[in-house]
């Protein structure tokens, strides 16, 4: 009999989530903050723990979409990391921190 398959932490439902979206006027990644506004910093996002908090956060995201402040709001799984928040999925870490390239290798495009 084979060993049971272990799920990775990123594929299981996290106890903490935040709502993310893109700001409509410039496309920048933003996160719902504790005051109900939007911040560009994942560490300043409102951590949502429990189904009621998540439901309220998602409702705030949908209202911001209706108000044309953001587009495509959704919840992401996060973990507490050294007093801040860290996205669990690589895609969300890239959205929060930028491309996965060493700074010395980065070259600006265009003129």
N, C-alpha and C. Protein backbone atom coordinates (compact mmCIF):
# COMPACT_ATOMS: atom_id res chain seq x y z
N UNK A 1 0.85 -1.18 0.00
CA UNK A 1 0.00 0.00 0.00
C UNK A 1 0.90 1.24 0.00
N UNK A 2 0.58 2.23 -0.82
CA UNK A 2 1.40 3.43 -0.92
C UNK A 2 1.09 4.40 0.22
N UNK A 3 2.05 5.28 0.48
CA UNK A 3 1.89 6.29 1.52
C UNK A 3 0.85 7.31 1.09
N UNK A 4 0.12 7.90 2.05
CA UNK A 4 -0.87 8.92 1.68
C UNK A 4 -0.19 10.14 1.08
N UNK A 5 -0.84 10.78 0.14
CA UNK A 5 -0.31 11.99 -0.50
C UNK A 5 -0.47 13.15 0.46
N UNK A 6 0.60 13.89 0.66
CA UNK A 6 0.58 15.06 1.52
C UNK A 6 0.23 16.29 0.69
N UNK A 7 -0.69 17.10 1.16
CA UNK A 7 -1.02 18.35 0.49
C UNK A 7 -0.01 19.41 0.92
N UNK A 8 0.40 20.24 -0.03
CA UNK A 8 1.31 21.33 0.32
C UNK A 8 0.54 22.39 1.07
N UNK A 9 1.24 23.19 1.85
CA UNK A 9 0.59 24.25 2.63
C UNK A 9 -0.13 25.23 1.73
N UNK A 10 0.42 25.48 0.55
CA UNK A 10 -0.19 26.46 -0.36
C UNK A 10 -1.49 25.95 -0.96
N UNK A 11 -1.73 24.65 -0.94
CA UNK A 11 -2.95 24.11 -1.56
C UNK A 11 -4.03 23.81 -0.54
N UNK A 12 -3.77 24.01 0.72
CA UNK A 12 -4.79 23.80 1.74
C UNK A 12 -5.40 25.14 2.10
N UNK A 13 -6.57 25.13 2.68
CA UNK A 13 -7.23 26.38 3.04
C UNK A 13 -6.52 27.00 4.23
N UNK A 14 -6.04 28.20 4.06
CA UNK A 14 -5.33 28.91 5.12
C UNK A 14 -6.32 29.44 6.13
N UNK A 15 -5.85 29.59 7.35
CA UNK A 15 -6.68 30.15 8.41
C UNK A 15 -6.79 31.66 8.26
N UNK A 16 -5.84 32.27 7.53
CA UNK A 16 -5.83 33.72 7.35
C UNK A 16 -5.86 34.01 5.85
N UNK A 17 -6.70 34.95 5.48
CA UNK A 17 -6.77 35.39 4.10
C UNK A 17 -6.84 36.90 4.05
N UNK A 18 -6.52 37.46 2.89
CA UNK A 18 -6.70 38.89 2.63
C UNK A 18 -7.38 39.01 1.28
N UNK A 19 -8.00 40.17 1.05
CA UNK A 19 -8.63 40.43 -0.24
C UNK A 19 -7.68 41.27 -1.07
N UNK A 20 -7.47 40.86 -2.31
CA UNK A 20 -6.61 41.58 -3.23
C UNK A 20 -7.40 41.93 -4.49
N UNK A 21 -6.89 42.89 -5.23
CA UNK A 21 -7.51 43.31 -6.49
C UNK A 21 -6.47 44.13 -7.24
N UNK A 22 -6.87 44.66 -8.38
CA UNK A 22 -6.05 45.62 -9.10
C UNK A 22 -6.81 46.94 -9.11
N UNK A 23 -6.08 48.02 -8.81
CA UNK A 23 -6.68 49.35 -8.83
C UNK A 23 -7.08 49.67 -10.26
N UNK A 24 -8.27 50.18 -10.45
CA UNK A 24 -8.81 50.38 -11.79
C UNK A 24 -8.05 51.46 -12.57
N UNK A 25 -7.65 52.54 -11.93
CA UNK A 25 -7.07 53.64 -12.70
C UNK A 25 -5.65 53.38 -13.20
N UNK A 26 -4.88 52.51 -12.52
CA UNK A 26 -3.50 52.28 -12.98
C UNK A 26 -3.08 50.80 -12.99
N UNK A 27 -3.96 49.89 -12.55
CA UNK A 27 -3.67 48.47 -12.59
C UNK A 27 -2.78 47.93 -11.49
N UNK A 28 -2.38 48.77 -10.56
CA UNK A 28 -1.49 48.35 -9.47
C UNK A 28 -2.20 47.36 -8.56
N UNK A 29 -1.46 46.35 -8.09
CA UNK A 29 -2.00 45.36 -7.15
C UNK A 29 -2.24 46.06 -5.81
N UNK A 30 -3.43 45.86 -5.26
CA UNK A 30 -3.79 46.46 -3.98
C UNK A 30 -4.44 45.40 -3.08
N UNK A 31 -4.47 45.72 -1.78
CA UNK A 31 -5.02 44.83 -0.76
C UNK A 31 -5.97 45.63 0.12
N UNK A 32 -7.06 45.00 0.52
CA UNK A 32 -8.03 45.64 1.41
C UNK A 32 -7.37 45.86 2.76
N UNK A 33 -7.42 47.11 3.25
CA UNK A 33 -6.80 47.40 4.55
C UNK A 33 -7.84 47.39 5.66
N UNK A 34 -7.40 47.45 6.93
CA UNK A 34 -8.35 47.36 8.05
C UNK A 34 -9.40 48.47 8.08
N UNK A 35 -9.11 49.62 7.47
CA UNK A 35 -10.07 50.73 7.47
C UNK A 35 -11.06 50.64 6.31
N UNK A 36 -10.92 49.62 5.46
CA UNK A 36 -11.82 49.46 4.33
C UNK A 36 -11.33 50.13 3.06
N UNK A 37 -10.12 50.70 3.11
CA UNK A 37 -9.51 51.29 1.92
C UNK A 37 -8.61 50.26 1.26
N UNK A 38 -7.73 50.72 0.39
CA UNK A 38 -6.84 49.83 -0.34
C UNK A 38 -5.41 50.29 -0.17
N UNK A 39 -4.51 49.34 0.03
CA UNK A 39 -3.09 49.61 0.21
C UNK A 39 -2.29 48.81 -0.81
N UNK A 40 -1.14 49.32 -1.19
CA UNK A 40 -0.26 48.61 -2.11
C UNK A 40 0.63 47.60 -1.37
N UNK A 41 0.62 47.62 -0.04
CA UNK A 41 1.50 46.75 0.75
C UNK A 41 0.73 45.58 1.35
N UNK A 42 1.16 44.38 1.05
CA UNK A 42 0.53 43.19 1.61
C UNK A 42 0.59 43.22 3.14
N UNK A 43 1.69 43.69 3.69
CA UNK A 43 1.84 43.74 5.14
C UNK A 43 0.84 44.66 5.84
N UNK A 44 0.25 45.59 5.10
CA UNK A 44 -0.73 46.52 5.67
C UNK A 44 -2.17 46.07 5.42
N UNK A 45 -2.33 44.89 4.81
CA UNK A 45 -3.67 44.38 4.51
C UNK A 45 -4.38 43.93 5.77
N UNK A 46 -5.70 43.88 5.70
CA UNK A 46 -6.52 43.40 6.81
C UNK A 46 -6.52 41.88 6.81
N UNK A 47 -5.95 41.23 7.84
CA UNK A 47 -6.00 39.77 7.90
C UNK A 47 -7.43 39.33 8.25
N UNK A 48 -7.98 38.45 7.44
CA UNK A 48 -9.35 37.98 7.63
C UNK A 48 -9.31 36.56 8.15
N UNK A 49 -9.79 36.40 9.38
CA UNK A 49 -9.79 35.08 10.01
C UNK A 49 -11.22 34.67 10.30
N UNK A 50 -11.64 33.57 9.71
CA UNK A 50 -12.98 33.06 9.92
C UNK A 50 -13.89 33.41 8.77
N UNK A 51 -14.95 32.61 8.60
CA UNK A 51 -15.84 32.80 7.46
C UNK A 51 -16.58 34.13 7.44
N UNK A 52 -16.95 34.66 8.60
CA UNK A 52 -17.67 35.93 8.63
C UNK A 52 -16.78 37.07 8.18
N UNK A 53 -15.54 37.09 8.67
CA UNK A 53 -14.59 38.14 8.27
C UNK A 53 -14.29 38.05 6.78
N UNK A 54 -14.12 36.83 6.27
CA UNK A 54 -13.84 36.65 4.86
C UNK A 54 -15.03 37.12 4.01
N UNK A 55 -16.23 36.77 4.42
CA UNK A 55 -17.42 37.19 3.69
C UNK A 55 -17.52 38.72 3.64
N UNK A 56 -17.25 39.37 4.77
CA UNK A 56 -17.30 40.83 4.82
C UNK A 56 -16.21 41.44 3.93
N UNK A 57 -15.02 40.86 3.94
CA UNK A 57 -13.94 41.36 3.10
C UNK A 57 -14.25 41.22 1.63
N UNK A 58 -14.80 40.07 1.24
CA UNK A 58 -15.17 39.87 -0.16
C UNK A 58 -16.29 40.81 -0.58
N UNK A 59 -17.22 41.07 0.33
CA UNK A 59 -18.31 42.02 0.04
C UNK A 59 -17.74 43.43 -0.17
N UNK A 60 -16.75 43.81 0.63
CA UNK A 60 -16.10 45.11 0.46
C UNK A 60 -15.40 45.18 -0.89
N UNK A 61 -14.78 44.08 -1.30
CA UNK A 61 -14.13 44.04 -2.61
C UNK A 61 -15.14 44.19 -3.74
N UNK A 62 -16.26 43.50 -3.65
CA UNK A 62 -17.30 43.61 -4.68
C UNK A 62 -17.89 45.01 -4.73
N UNK A 63 -18.06 45.65 -3.56
CA UNK A 63 -18.56 47.03 -3.54
C UNK A 63 -17.57 47.96 -4.22
N UNK A 64 -16.26 47.76 -3.96
CA UNK A 64 -15.23 48.59 -4.60
C UNK A 64 -15.23 48.37 -6.11
N UNK A 65 -15.55 47.16 -6.56
CA UNK A 65 -15.68 46.91 -8.00
C UNK A 65 -16.86 47.69 -8.56
N UNK A 66 -18.00 47.65 -7.85
CA UNK A 66 -19.19 48.39 -8.27
C UNK A 66 -18.91 49.89 -8.32
N UNK A 67 -18.12 50.37 -7.36
CA UNK A 67 -17.76 51.79 -7.30
C UNK A 67 -16.63 52.15 -8.28
N UNK A 68 -16.17 51.16 -9.02
CA UNK A 68 -15.11 51.33 -10.03
C UNK A 68 -13.79 51.81 -9.44
N UNK A 69 -13.48 51.31 -8.25
CA UNK A 69 -12.18 51.60 -7.63
C UNK A 69 -11.18 50.51 -7.96
N UNK A 70 -11.65 49.25 -8.02
CA UNK A 70 -10.78 48.10 -8.29
C UNK A 70 -11.47 47.15 -9.25
N UNK A 71 -10.69 46.21 -9.77
CA UNK A 71 -11.24 45.13 -10.60
C UNK A 71 -10.73 43.80 -10.07
N UNK A 72 -11.53 42.76 -10.32
CA UNK A 72 -11.12 41.38 -10.01
C UNK A 72 -10.70 41.17 -8.56
N UNK A 73 -11.52 41.53 -7.60
CA UNK A 73 -11.18 41.29 -6.20
C UNK A 73 -11.40 39.82 -5.86
N UNK A 74 -10.51 39.29 -5.05
CA UNK A 74 -10.61 37.89 -4.60
C UNK A 74 -9.75 37.71 -3.36
N UNK A 75 -9.96 36.61 -2.66
CA UNK A 75 -9.22 36.32 -1.43
C UNK A 75 -8.00 35.46 -1.75
N UNK A 76 -6.93 35.72 -1.01
CA UNK A 76 -5.73 34.89 -1.12
C UNK A 76 -5.35 34.38 0.26
N UNK A 77 -4.69 33.22 0.28
CA UNK A 77 -4.22 32.63 1.52
C UNK A 77 -2.89 33.28 1.90
N UNK A 78 -2.77 33.64 3.18
CA UNK A 78 -1.55 34.24 3.70
C UNK A 78 -1.18 33.58 5.02
N UNK A 79 0.05 33.81 5.44
CA UNK A 79 0.52 33.35 6.74
C UNK A 79 1.22 34.50 7.43
N UNK A 80 1.20 34.49 8.73
CA UNK A 80 1.97 35.48 9.50
C UNK A 80 3.44 35.11 9.38
N UNK A 81 4.26 36.12 9.13
CA UNK A 81 5.68 35.89 8.91
C UNK A 81 6.47 37.04 9.51
N UNK A 82 7.06 36.81 10.68
CA UNK A 82 7.86 37.84 11.33
C UNK A 82 7.08 39.11 11.62
N UNK A 83 5.85 38.99 12.03
CA UNK A 83 5.03 40.15 12.34
C UNK A 83 4.27 40.71 11.16
N UNK A 84 4.56 40.22 9.96
CA UNK A 84 3.86 40.67 8.76
C UNK A 84 3.06 39.54 8.15
N UNK A 85 2.66 39.73 6.92
CA UNK A 85 1.91 38.72 6.19
C UNK A 85 2.69 38.30 4.95
N UNK A 86 2.61 37.02 4.61
CA UNK A 86 3.29 36.48 3.44
C UNK A 86 2.29 35.64 2.66
N UNK A 87 2.20 35.91 1.37
CA UNK A 87 1.31 35.12 0.51
C UNK A 87 1.84 33.70 0.42
N UNK A 88 0.95 32.72 0.41
CA UNK A 88 1.37 31.32 0.36
C UNK A 88 1.65 30.84 -1.06
N UNK A 89 0.90 31.30 -2.04
CA UNK A 89 1.10 30.86 -3.42
C UNK A 89 2.14 31.73 -4.11
N UNK A 90 2.96 31.11 -4.95
CA UNK A 90 4.01 31.83 -5.67
C UNK A 90 3.42 32.96 -6.50
N UNK A 91 2.33 32.72 -7.18
CA UNK A 91 1.71 33.76 -8.01
C UNK A 91 1.43 35.01 -7.18
N UNK A 92 0.91 34.82 -5.99
CA UNK A 92 0.57 35.96 -5.14
C UNK A 92 1.81 36.62 -4.53
N UNK A 93 2.86 35.83 -4.28
CA UNK A 93 4.12 36.43 -3.82
C UNK A 93 4.70 37.31 -4.91
N UNK A 94 4.63 36.86 -6.16
CA UNK A 94 5.12 37.67 -7.27
C UNK A 94 4.30 38.95 -7.40
N UNK A 95 2.99 38.86 -7.26
CA UNK A 95 2.15 40.06 -7.32
C UNK A 95 2.50 41.03 -6.19
N UNK A 96 2.86 40.50 -5.01
CA UNK A 96 3.16 41.34 -3.86
C UNK A 96 4.58 41.90 -3.88
N UNK A 97 5.53 41.10 -4.35
CA UNK A 97 6.94 41.47 -4.21
C UNK A 97 7.63 41.81 -5.52
N UNK A 98 7.03 41.46 -6.64
CA UNK A 98 7.65 41.74 -7.93
C UNK A 98 8.21 40.49 -8.56
N UNK A 99 8.83 40.64 -9.73
CA UNK A 99 9.30 39.49 -10.50
C UNK A 99 10.36 38.68 -9.76
N UNK A 100 10.46 37.42 -10.14
CA UNK A 100 11.43 36.52 -9.52
C UNK A 100 12.74 36.55 -10.31
N UNK A 101 13.39 37.69 -10.28
CA UNK A 101 14.66 37.85 -10.97
C UNK A 101 15.60 38.60 -10.03
N UNK A 102 16.85 38.23 -10.05
CA UNK A 102 17.83 38.90 -9.19
C UNK A 102 17.96 40.36 -9.62
N UNK A 103 17.97 41.31 -8.69
CA UNK A 103 18.03 42.73 -9.05
C UNK A 103 19.22 43.10 -9.95
N UNK A 104 20.34 42.41 -9.81
CA UNK A 104 21.50 42.73 -10.64
C UNK A 104 21.30 42.31 -12.09
N UNK A 105 20.35 41.40 -12.35
CA UNK A 105 20.10 40.93 -13.70
C UNK A 105 18.98 41.69 -14.40
N UNK A 106 18.27 42.52 -13.67
CA UNK A 106 17.14 43.25 -14.23
C UNK A 106 17.63 44.33 -15.17
N UNK A 107 16.99 44.42 -16.32
CA UNK A 107 17.30 45.48 -17.28
C UNK A 107 16.01 46.17 -17.65
N UNK A 108 15.98 47.49 -17.63
CA UNK A 108 14.76 48.19 -18.05
C UNK A 108 14.54 48.00 -19.55
N UNK A 109 13.30 47.96 -19.94
CA UNK A 109 12.98 47.83 -21.36
C UNK A 109 12.76 49.20 -21.95
N UNK A 110 12.80 49.30 -23.24
CA UNK A 110 12.57 50.57 -23.92
C UNK A 110 13.85 51.39 -24.01
N UNK A 111 13.67 52.66 -24.33
CA UNK A 111 14.81 53.57 -24.55
C UNK A 111 15.48 53.94 -23.25
